[in-house]
Amino acid sequence: MCSHGMTYEVPQLFKNGVTHIREECAECGKFIKYKPQKIDDYVLFFGKYKGKMLKEVPVSYLNWYIQNGSDKKIVKRMKLFLEVV
């Protein structure tokens, strides 16, 4: 049985045009996890600014989505981003 000691990263392009980094085992090739994007490199995968990084999106849109968006994880990420910048 593999212990997943050695891993490597593989970029994966999704249908929405966003690339994520997959971490896979170097021994057995099994998928382990997607590595999180840095907060300012996070790419929107929906709406008017689809394919844009948060740092490229107007603050007014981020504030609008925080007030009206339904995805709590994205709202949390946008709030964090606005605190950092």
PDB file of N, CA and C in Angstrom:
ATOM      1  N   MET A   1       0.845  -1.199   0.000  1.00  0.00           N
ATOM      2  CA  MET A   1       0.000   0.000   0.000  1.00  0.00           C
ATOM      3  C   MET A   1       0.878   1.246   0.000  1.00  0.00           C
ATOM      4  N   CYS A   2       0.514   2.226  -0.766  1.00  0.00           N
ATOM      5  CA  CYS A   2       1.279   3.454  -0.933  1.00  0.00           C
ATOM      6  C   CYS A   2       1.043   4.399   0.251  1.00  0.00           C
ATOM      7  N   SER A   3       2.109   5.043   0.693  1.00  0.00           N
ATOM      8  CA  SER A   3       1.981   5.974   1.825  1.00  0.00           C
ATOM      9  C   SER A   3       1.896   7.432   1.368  1.00  0.00           C
ATOM     10  N   HIS A   4       1.977   7.674   0.077  1.00  0.00           N
ATOM     11  CA  HIS A   4       1.926   9.022  -0.503  1.00  0.00           C
ATOM     12  C   HIS A   4       3.017   9.928   0.067  1.00  0.00           C
ATOM     13  N   GLY A   5       4.202   9.376   0.231  1.00  0.00           N
ATOM     14  CA  GLY A   5       5.311  10.159   0.748  1.00  0.00           C
ATOM     15  C   GLY A   5       5.809  11.202  -0.237  1.00  0.00           C
ATOM     16  N   MET A   6       5.992  10.821  -1.480  1.00  0.00           N
ATOM     17  CA  MET A   6       6.473  11.741  -2.512  1.00  0.00           C
ATOM     18  C   MET A   6       5.287  12.178  -3.377  1.00  0.00           C
ATOM     19  N   THR A   7       5.177  13.469  -3.575  1.00  0.00           N
ATOM     20  CA  THR A   7       4.084  13.979  -4.409  1.00  0.00           C
ATOM     21  C   THR A   7       4.638  14.906  -5.479  1.00  0.00           C
ATOM     22  N   TYR A   8       3.825  15.172  -6.475  1.00  0.00           N
ATOM     23  CA  TYR A   8       4.160  16.156  -7.497  1.00  0.00           C
ATOM     24  C   TYR A   8       2.902  16.925  -7.852  1.00  0.00           C
ATOM     25  N   GLU A   9       3.106  18.088  -8.472  1.00  0.00           N
ATOM     26  CA  GLU A   9       1.983  18.957  -8.816  1.00  0.00           C
ATOM     27  C   GLU A   9       1.746  18.943 -10.318  1.00  0.00           C
ATOM     28  N   VAL A  10       0.459  18.905 -10.678  1.00  0.00           N
ATOM     29  CA  VAL A  10       0.063  18.861 -12.076  1.00  0.00           C
ATOM     30  C   VAL A  10      -0.998  19.929 -12.309  1.00  0.00           C
ATOM     31  N   PRO A  11      -0.764  20.876 -13.237  1.00  0.00           N
ATOM     32  CA  PRO A  11      -1.826  21.842 -13.543  1.00  0.00           C
ATOM     33  C   PRO A  11      -2.961  21.145 -14.284  1.00  0.00           C
ATOM     34  N   GLN A  12      -4.200  21.488 -13.921  1.00  0.00           N
ATOM     35  CA  GLN A  12      -5.369  20.914 -14.582  1.00  0.00           C
ATOM     36  C   GLN A  12      -6.280  22.038 -15.020  1.00  0.00           C
ATOM     37  N   LEU A  13      -6.587  22.069 -16.298  1.00  0.00           N
ATOM     38  CA  LEU A  13      -7.475  23.079 -16.864  1.00  0.00           C
ATOM     39  C   LEU A  13      -8.911  22.569 -16.819  1.00  0.00           C
ATOM     40  N   PHE A  14      -9.796  23.343 -16.196  1.00  0.00           N
ATOM     41  CA  PHE A  14     -11.205  22.986 -16.107  1.00  0.00           C
ATOM     42  C   PHE A  14     -11.972  23.556 -17.286  1.00  0.00           C
ATOM     43  N   LYS A  15     -13.196  23.067 -17.492  1.00  0.00           N
ATOM     44  CA  LYS A  15     -14.044  23.519 -18.604  1.00  0.00           C
ATOM     45  C   LYS A  15     -14.293  25.015 -18.572  1.00  0.00           C
ATOM     46  N   ASN A  16     -14.298  25.590 -17.356  1.00  0.00           N
ATOM     47  CA  ASN A  16     -14.578  27.019 -17.231  1.00  0.00           C
ATOM     48  C   ASN A  16     -13.351  27.883 -17.525  1.00  0.00           C
ATOM     49  N   GLY A  17     -12.240  27.250 -17.915  1.00  0.00           N
ATOM     50  CA  GLY A  17     -11.044  27.992 -18.288  1.00  0.00           C
ATOM     51  C   GLY A  17     -10.086  28.271 -17.150  1.00  0.00           C
ATOM     52  N   VAL A  18     -10.416  27.821 -15.955  1.00  0.00           N
ATOM     53  CA  VAL A  18      -9.581  28.053 -14.786  1.00  0.00           C
ATOM     54  C   VAL A  18      -8.623  26.877 -14.603  1.00  0.00           C
ATOM     55  N   THR A  19      -7.372  27.178 -14.295  1.00  0.00           N
ATOM     56  CA  THR A  19      -6.388  26.136 -14.032  1.00  0.00           C
ATOM     57  C   THR A  19      -6.202  25.999 -12.531  1.00  0.00           C
ATOM     58  N   HIS A  20      -6.273  24.776 -12.045  1.00  0.00           N
ATOM     59  CA  HIS A  20      -6.006  24.463 -10.646  1.00  0.00           C
ATOM     60  C   HIS A  20      -4.817  23.514 -10.587  1.00  0.00           C
ATOM     61  N   ILE A  21      -4.169  23.463  -9.445  1.00  0.00           N
ATOM     62  CA  ILE A  21      -3.018  22.584  -9.265  1.00  0.00           C
ATOM     63  C   ILE A  21      -3.459  21.338  -8.509  1.00  0.00           C
ATOM     64  N   ARG A  22      -3.280  20.176  -9.160  1.00  0.00           N
ATOM     65  CA  ARG A  22      -3.575  18.883  -8.539  1.00  0.00           C
ATOM     66  C   ARG A  22      -2.312  18.354  -7.886  1.00  0.00           C
ATOM     67  N   GLU A  23      -2.421  17.852  -6.679  1.00  0.00           N
ATOM     68  CA  GLU A  23      -1.300  17.167  -6.041  1.00  0.00           C
ATOM     69  C   GLU A  23      -1.543  15.672  -6.200  1.00  0.00           C
ATOM     70  N   GLU A  24      -0.561  14.974  -6.757  1.00  0.00           N
ATOM     71  CA  GLU A  24      -0.688  13.534  -6.997  1.00  0.00           C
ATOM     72  C   GLU A  24       0.501  12.809  -6.394  1.00  0.00           C
ATOM     73  N   CYS A  25       0.301  11.534  -6.074  1.00  0.00           N
ATOM     74  CA  CYS A  25       1.347  10.694  -5.522  1.00  0.00           C
ATOM     75  C   CYS A  25       2.336  10.321  -6.628  1.00  0.00           C
ATOM     76  N   ALA A  26       3.638  10.495  -6.348  1.00  0.00           N
ATOM     77  CA  ALA A  26       4.669  10.161  -7.326  1.00  0.00           C
ATOM     78  C   ALA A  26       4.818   8.649  -7.478  1.00  0.00           C
ATOM     79  N   GLU A  27       4.408   7.900  -6.465  1.00  0.00           N
ATOM     80  CA  GLU A  27       4.559   6.444  -6.499  1.00  0.00           C
ATOM     81  C   GLU A  27       3.410   5.750  -7.226  1.00  0.00           C
ATOM     82  N   CYS A  28       2.189   6.075  -6.840  1.00  0.00           N
ATOM     83  CA  CYS A  28       1.038   5.360  -7.414  1.00  0.00           C
ATOM     84  C   CYS A  28       0.216   6.212  -8.385  1.00  0.00           C
ATOM     85  N   GLY A  29       0.476   7.532  -8.435  1.00  0.00           N
ATOM     86  CA  GLY A  29      -0.247   8.412  -9.350  1.00  0.00           C
ATOM     87  C   GLY A  29      -1.626   8.817  -8.871  1.00  0.00           C
ATOM     88  N   LYS A  30      -2.001   8.420  -7.661  1.00  0.00           N
ATOM     89  CA  LYS A  30      -3.333   8.731  -7.129  1.00  0.00           C
ATOM     90  C   LYS A  30      -3.464  10.228  -6.808  1.00  0.00           C
ATOM     91  N   PHE A  31      -4.637  10.782  -7.132  1.00  0.00           N
ATOM     92  CA  PHE A  31      -4.972  12.163  -6.788  1.00  0.00           C
ATOM     93  C   PHE A  31      -5.021  12.291  -5.272  1.00  0.00           C
ATOM     94  N   ILE A  32      -4.402  13.353  -4.737  1.00  0.00           N
ATOM     95  CA  ILE A  32      -4.419  13.581  -3.295  1.00  0.00           C
ATOM     96  C   ILE A  32      -5.338  14.755  -2.962  1.00  0.00           C
ATOM     97  N   LYS A  33      -5.071  15.917  -3.563  1.00  0.00           N
ATOM     98  CA  LYS A  33      -5.917  17.085  -3.295  1.00  0.00           C
ATOM     99  C   LYS A  33      -5.622  18.170  -4.313  1.00  0.00           C
ATOM    100  N   TYR A  34      -6.528  19.139  -4.376  1.00  0.00           N
ATOM    101  CA  TYR A  34      -6.253  20.359  -5.123  1.00  0.00           C
ATOM    102  C   TYR A  34      -5.585  21.329  -4.158  1.00  0.00           C
ATOM    103  N   LYS A  35      -4.531  21.960  -4.610  1.00  0.00           N
ATOM    104  CA  LYS A  35      -3.834  22.920  -3.769  1.00  0.00           C
ATOM    105  C   LYS A  35      -4.582  24.246  -3.836  1.00  0.00           C
ATOM    106  N   PRO A  36      -4.767  24.888  -2.701  1.00  0.00           N
ATOM    107  CA  PRO A  36      -5.502  26.157  -2.702  1.00  0.00           C
ATOM    108  C   PRO A  36      -4.736  27.243  -3.449  1.00  0.00           C
ATOM    109  N   GLN A  37      -5.499  28.101  -4.102  1.00  0.00           N
ATOM    110  CA  GLN A  37      -4.899  29.240  -4.774  1.00  0.00           C
ATOM    111  C   GLN A  37      -4.587  30.308  -3.743  1.00  0.00           C
ATOM    112  N   LYS A  38      -3.559  31.090  -4.007  1.00  0.00           N
ATOM    113  CA  LYS A  38      -3.286  32.242  -3.153  1.00  0.00           C
ATOM    114  C   LYS A  38      -4.467  33.191  -3.287  1.00  0.00           C
ATOM    115  N   ILE A  39      -4.751  33.918  -2.219  1.00  0.00           N
ATOM    116  CA  ILE A  39      -5.956  34.754  -2.189  1.00  0.00           C
ATOM    117  C   ILE A  39      -6.000  35.749  -3.337  1.00  0.00           C
ATOM    118  N   ASP A  40      -4.877  36.380  -3.668  1.00  0.00           N
ATOM    119  CA  ASP A  40      -4.939  37.372  -4.747  1.00  0.00           C
ATOM    120  C   ASP A  40      -4.838  36.744  -6.136  1.00  0.00           C
ATOM    121  N   ASP A  41      -4.541  35.434  -6.207  1.00  0.00           N
ATOM    122  CA  ASP A  41      -4.501  34.727  -7.486  1.00  0.00           C
ATOM    123  C   ASP A  41      -5.797  33.956  -7.756  1.00  0.00           C
ATOM    124  N   TYR A  42      -6.752  34.019  -6.812  1.00  0.00           N
ATOM    125  CA  TYR A  42      -8.010  33.299  -6.981  1.00  0.00           C
ATOM    126  C   TYR A  42      -8.718  33.804  -8.236  1.00  0.00           C
ATOM    127  N   VAL A  43      -9.150  32.872  -9.064  1.00  0.00           N
ATOM    128  CA  VAL A  43      -9.806  33.212 -10.330  1.00  0.00           C
ATOM    129  C   VAL A  43     -11.301  32.931 -10.224  1.00  0.00           C
ATOM    130  N   LEU A  44     -12.105  33.919 -10.581  1.00  0.00           N
ATOM    131  CA  LEU A  44     -13.558  33.729 -10.586  1.00  0.00           C
ATOM    132  C   LEU A  44     -13.946  32.786 -11.720  1.00  0.00           C
ATOM    133  N   PHE A  45     -14.874  31.911 -11.451  1.00  0.00           N
ATOM    134  CA  PHE A  45     -15.299  30.912 -12.438  1.00  0.00           C
ATOM    135  C   PHE A  45     -16.744  31.123 -12.868  1.00  0.00           C
ATOM    136  N   PHE A  46     -17.263  32.318 -12.644  1.00  0.00           N
ATOM    137  CA  PHE A  46     -18.663  32.597 -12.945  1.00  0.00           C
ATOM    138  C   PHE A  46     -18.833  34.086 -13.235  1.00  0.00           C
ATOM    139  N   GLY A  47     -19.960  34.416 -13.811  1.00  0.00           N
ATOM    140  CA  GLY A  47     -20.414  35.805 -13.937  1.00  0.00           C
ATOM    141  C   GLY A  47     -19.637  36.694 -14.891  1.00  0.00           C
ATOM    142  N   LYS A  48     -19.861  37.956 -14.738  1.00  0.00           N
ATOM    143  CA  LYS A  48     -19.314  38.989 -15.609  1.00  0.00           C
ATOM    144  C   LYS A  48     -17.786  38.976 -15.647  1.00  0.00           C
ATOM    145  N   TYR A  49     -17.149  38.608 -14.539  1.00  0.00           N
ATOM    146  CA  TYR A  49     -15.689  38.626 -14.443  1.00  0.00           C
ATOM    147  C   TYR A  49     -15.091  37.218 -14.442  1.00  0.00           C
ATOM    148  N   LYS A  50     -15.786  36.295 -15.066  1.00  0.00           N
ATOM    149  CA  LYS A  50     -15.310  34.916 -15.184  1.00  0.00           C
ATOM    150  C   LYS A  50     -13.914  34.902 -15.814  1.00  0.00           C
ATOM    151  N   GLY A  51     -13.003  34.145 -15.187  1.00  0.00           N
ATOM    152  CA  GLY A  51     -11.638  34.043 -15.704  1.00  0.00           C
ATOM    153  C   GLY A  51     -10.704  35.140 -15.207  1.00  0.00           C
ATOM    154  N   LYS A  52     -11.219  36.088 -14.437  1.00  0.00           N
ATOM    155  CA  LYS A  52     -10.407  37.177 -13.892  1.00  0.00           C
ATOM    156  C   LYS A  52      -9.980  36.868 -12.461  1.00  0.00           C
ATOM    157  N   MET A  53      -8.759  37.282 -12.106  1.00  0.00           N
ATOM    158  CA  MET A  53      -8.293  37.145 -10.729  1.00  0.00           C
ATOM    159  C   MET A  53      -8.969  38.212  -9.880  1.00  0.00           C
ATOM    160  N   LEU A  54      -9.133  37.936  -8.582  1.00  0.00           N
ATOM    161  CA  LEU A  54      -9.786  38.900  -7.698  1.00  0.00           C
ATOM    162  C   LEU A  54      -9.128  40.270  -7.793  1.00  0.00           C
ATOM    163  N   LYS A  55      -7.799  40.305  -7.923  1.00  0.00           N
ATOM    164  CA  LYS A  55      -7.114  41.594  -7.984  1.00  0.00           C
ATOM    165  C   LYS A  55      -7.421  42.363  -9.267  1.00  0.00           C
ATOM    166  N   GLU A  56      -8.060  41.716 -10.243  1.00  0.00           N
ATOM    167  CA  GLU A  56      -8.442  42.380 -11.499  1.00  0.00           C
ATOM    168  C   GLU A  56      -9.904  42.812 -11.515  1.00  0.00           C
ATOM    169  N   VAL A  57     -10.640  42.438 -10.480  1.00  0.00           N
ATOM    170  CA  VAL A  57     -12.081  42.702 -10.424  1.00  0.00           C
ATOM    171  C   VAL A  57     -12.327  43.988  -9.632  1.00  0.00           C
ATOM    172  N   PRO A  58     -13.212  44.868 -10.113  1.00  0.00           N
ATOM    173  CA  PRO A  58     -13.503  46.103  -9.370  1.00  0.00           C
ATOM    174  C   PRO A  58     -14.010  45.809  -7.958  1.00  0.00           C
ATOM    175  N   VAL A  59     -13.560  46.624  -7.022  1.00  0.00           N
ATOM    176  CA  VAL A  59     -13.978  46.478  -5.622  1.00  0.00           C
ATOM    177  C   VAL A  59     -15.491  46.586  -5.503  1.00  0.00           C
ATOM    178  N   SER A  60     -16.104  47.405  -6.342  1.00  0.00           N
ATOM    179  CA  SER A  60     -17.564  47.558  -6.282  1.00  0.00           C
ATOM    180  C   SER A  60     -18.271  46.224  -6.570  1.00  0.00           C
ATOM    181  N   TYR A  61     -17.718  45.424  -7.496  1.00  0.00           N
ATOM    182  CA  TYR A  61     -18.317  44.111  -7.784  1.00  0.00           C
ATOM    183  C   TYR A  61     -18.113  43.163  -6.610  1.00  0.00           C
ATOM    184  N   LEU A  62     -16.917  43.179  -6.028  1.00  0.00           N
ATOM    185  CA  LEU A  62     -16.657  42.308  -4.875  1.00  0.00           C
ATOM    186  C   LEU A  62     -17.625  42.636  -3.735  1.00  0.00           C
ATOM    187  N   ASN A  63     -17.800  43.923  -3.466  1.00  0.00           N
ATOM    188  CA  ASN A  63     -18.739  44.327  -2.407  1.00  0.00           C
ATOM    189  C   ASN A  63     -20.164  43.927  -2.746  1.00  0.00           C
ATOM    190  N   TRP A  64     -20.540  44.049  -4.016  1.00  0.00           N
ATOM    191  CA  TRP A  64     -21.883  43.640  -4.430  1.00  0.00           C
ATOM    192  C   TRP A  64     -22.066  42.142  -4.198  1.00  0.00           C
ATOM    193  N   TYR A  65     -21.074  41.339  -4.607  1.00  0.00           N
ATOM    194  CA  TYR A  65     -21.205  39.891  -4.447  1.00  0.00           C
ATOM    195  C   TYR A  65     -21.242  39.506  -2.971  1.00  0.00           C
ATOM    196  N   ILE A  66     -20.459  40.175  -2.149  1.00  0.00           N
ATOM    197  CA  ILE A  66     -20.474  39.895  -0.700  1.00  0.00           C
ATOM    198  C   ILE A  66     -21.879  40.096  -0.140  1.00  0.00           C
ATOM    199  N   GLN A  67     -22.582  41.120  -0.625  1.00  0.00           N
ATOM    200  CA  GLN A  67     -23.941  41.410  -0.150  1.00  0.00           C
ATOM    201  C   GLN A  67     -24.999  40.505  -0.768  1.00  0.00           C
ATOM    202  N   ASN A  68     -24.789  40.054  -2.006  1.00  0.00           N
ATOM    203  CA  ASN A  68     -25.845  39.357  -2.745  1.00  0.00           C
ATOM    204  C   ASN A  68     -25.530  37.924  -3.150  1.00  0.00           C
ATOM    205  N   GLY A  69     -24.279  37.507  -3.035  1.00  0.00           N
ATOM    206  CA  GLY A  69     -23.873  36.182  -3.502  1.00  0.00           C
ATOM    207  C   GLY A  69     -24.384  35.057  -2.617  1.00  0.00           C
ATOM    208  N   SER A  70     -24.588  33.907  -3.217  1.00  0.00           N
ATOM    209  CA  SER A  70     -25.135  32.772  -2.480  1.00  0.00           C
ATOM    210  C   SER A  70     -24.072  31.770  -2.020  1.00  0.00           C
ATOM    211  N   ASP A  71     -22.874  31.830  -2.600  1.00  0.00           N
ATOM    212  CA  ASP A  71     -21.820  30.875  -2.246  1.00  0.00           C
ATOM    213  C   ASP A  71     -21.002  31.437  -1.084  1.00  0.00           C
ATOM    214  N   LYS A  72     -21.208  30.861   0.098  1.00  0.00           N
ATOM    215  CA  LYS A  72     -20.576  31.390   1.314  1.00  0.00           C
ATOM    216  C   LYS A  72     -19.050  31.293   1.280  1.00  0.00           C
ATOM    217  N   LYS A  73     -18.516  30.268   0.626  1.00  0.00           N
ATOM    218  CA  LYS A  73     -17.058  30.137   0.531  1.00  0.00           C
ATOM    219  C   LYS A  73     -16.462  31.266  -0.304  1.00  0.00           C
ATOM    220  N   ILE A  74     -17.133  31.613  -1.382  1.00  0.00           N
ATOM    221  CA  ILE A  74     -16.650  32.694  -2.238  1.00  0.00           C
ATOM    222  C   ILE A  74     -16.790  34.031  -1.520  1.00  0.00           C
ATOM    223  N   VAL A  75     -17.895  34.228  -0.825  1.00  0.00           N
ATOM    224  CA  VAL A  75     -18.089  35.459  -0.052  1.00  0.00           C
ATOM    225  C   VAL A  75     -16.965  35.597   0.977  1.00  0.00           C
ATOM    226  N   LYS A  76     -16.651  34.510   1.665  1.00  0.00           N
ATOM    227  CA  LYS A  76     -15.590  34.529   2.674  1.00  0.00           C
ATOM    228  C   LYS A  76     -14.241  34.882   2.031  1.00  0.00           C
ATOM    229  N   ARG A  77     -13.962  34.295   0.876  1.00  0.00           N
ATOM    230  CA  ARG A  77     -12.701  34.559   0.174  1.00  0.00           C
ATOM    231  C   ARG A  77     -12.628  36.018  -0.263  1.00  0.00           C
ATOM    232  N   MET A  78     -13.732  36.569  -0.762  1.00  0.00           N
ATOM    233  CA  MET A  78     -13.747  37.964  -1.188  1.00  0.00           C
ATOM    234  C   MET A  78     -13.536  38.901   0.004  1.00  0.00           C
ATOM    235  N   LYS A  79     -14.171  38.598   1.126  1.00  0.00           N
ATOM    236  CA  LYS A  79     -13.992  39.425   2.332  1.00  0.00           C
ATOM    237  C   LYS A  79     -12.534  39.404   2.773  1.00  0.00           C
ATOM    238  N   LEU A  80     -11.944  38.237   2.779  1.00  0.00           N
ATOM    239  CA  LEU A  80     -10.545  38.099   3.154  1.00  0.00           C
ATOM    240  C   LEU A  80      -9.650  38.893   2.208  1.00  0.00           C
ATOM    241  N   PHE A  81      -9.926  38.792   0.922  1.00  0.00           N
ATOM    242  CA  PHE A  81      -9.151  39.511  -0.085  1.00  0.00           C
ATOM    243  C   PHE A  81      -9.222  41.025   0.176  1.00  0.00           C
ATOM    244  N   LEU A  82     -10.422  41.534   0.450  1.00  0.00           N
ATOM    245  CA  LEU A  82     -10.577  42.972   0.680  1.00  0.00           C
ATOM    246  C   LEU A  82      -9.873  43.427   1.950  1.00  0.00           C
ATOM    247  N   GLU A  83      -9.749  42.539   2.937  1.00  0.00           N
ATOM    248  CA  GLU A  83      -9.012  42.869   4.153  1.00  0.00           C
ATOM    249  C   GLU A  83      -7.506  42.967   3.889  1.00  0.00           C
ATOM    250  N   VAL A  84      -7.017  42.143   2.966  1.00  0.00           N
ATOM    251  CA  VAL A  84      -5.588  42.068   2.677  1.00  0.00           C
ATOM    252  C   VAL A  84      -5.117  43.238   1.819  1.00  0.00           C
ATOM    253  N   VAL A  85      -5.956  43.645   0.850  1.00  0.00           N
ATOM    254  CA  VAL A  85      -5.531  44.709  -0.078  1.00  0.00           C
ATOM    255  C   VAL A  85      -5.774  46.095   0.479  1.00  0.00           C
TER     256      VAL A  85
END
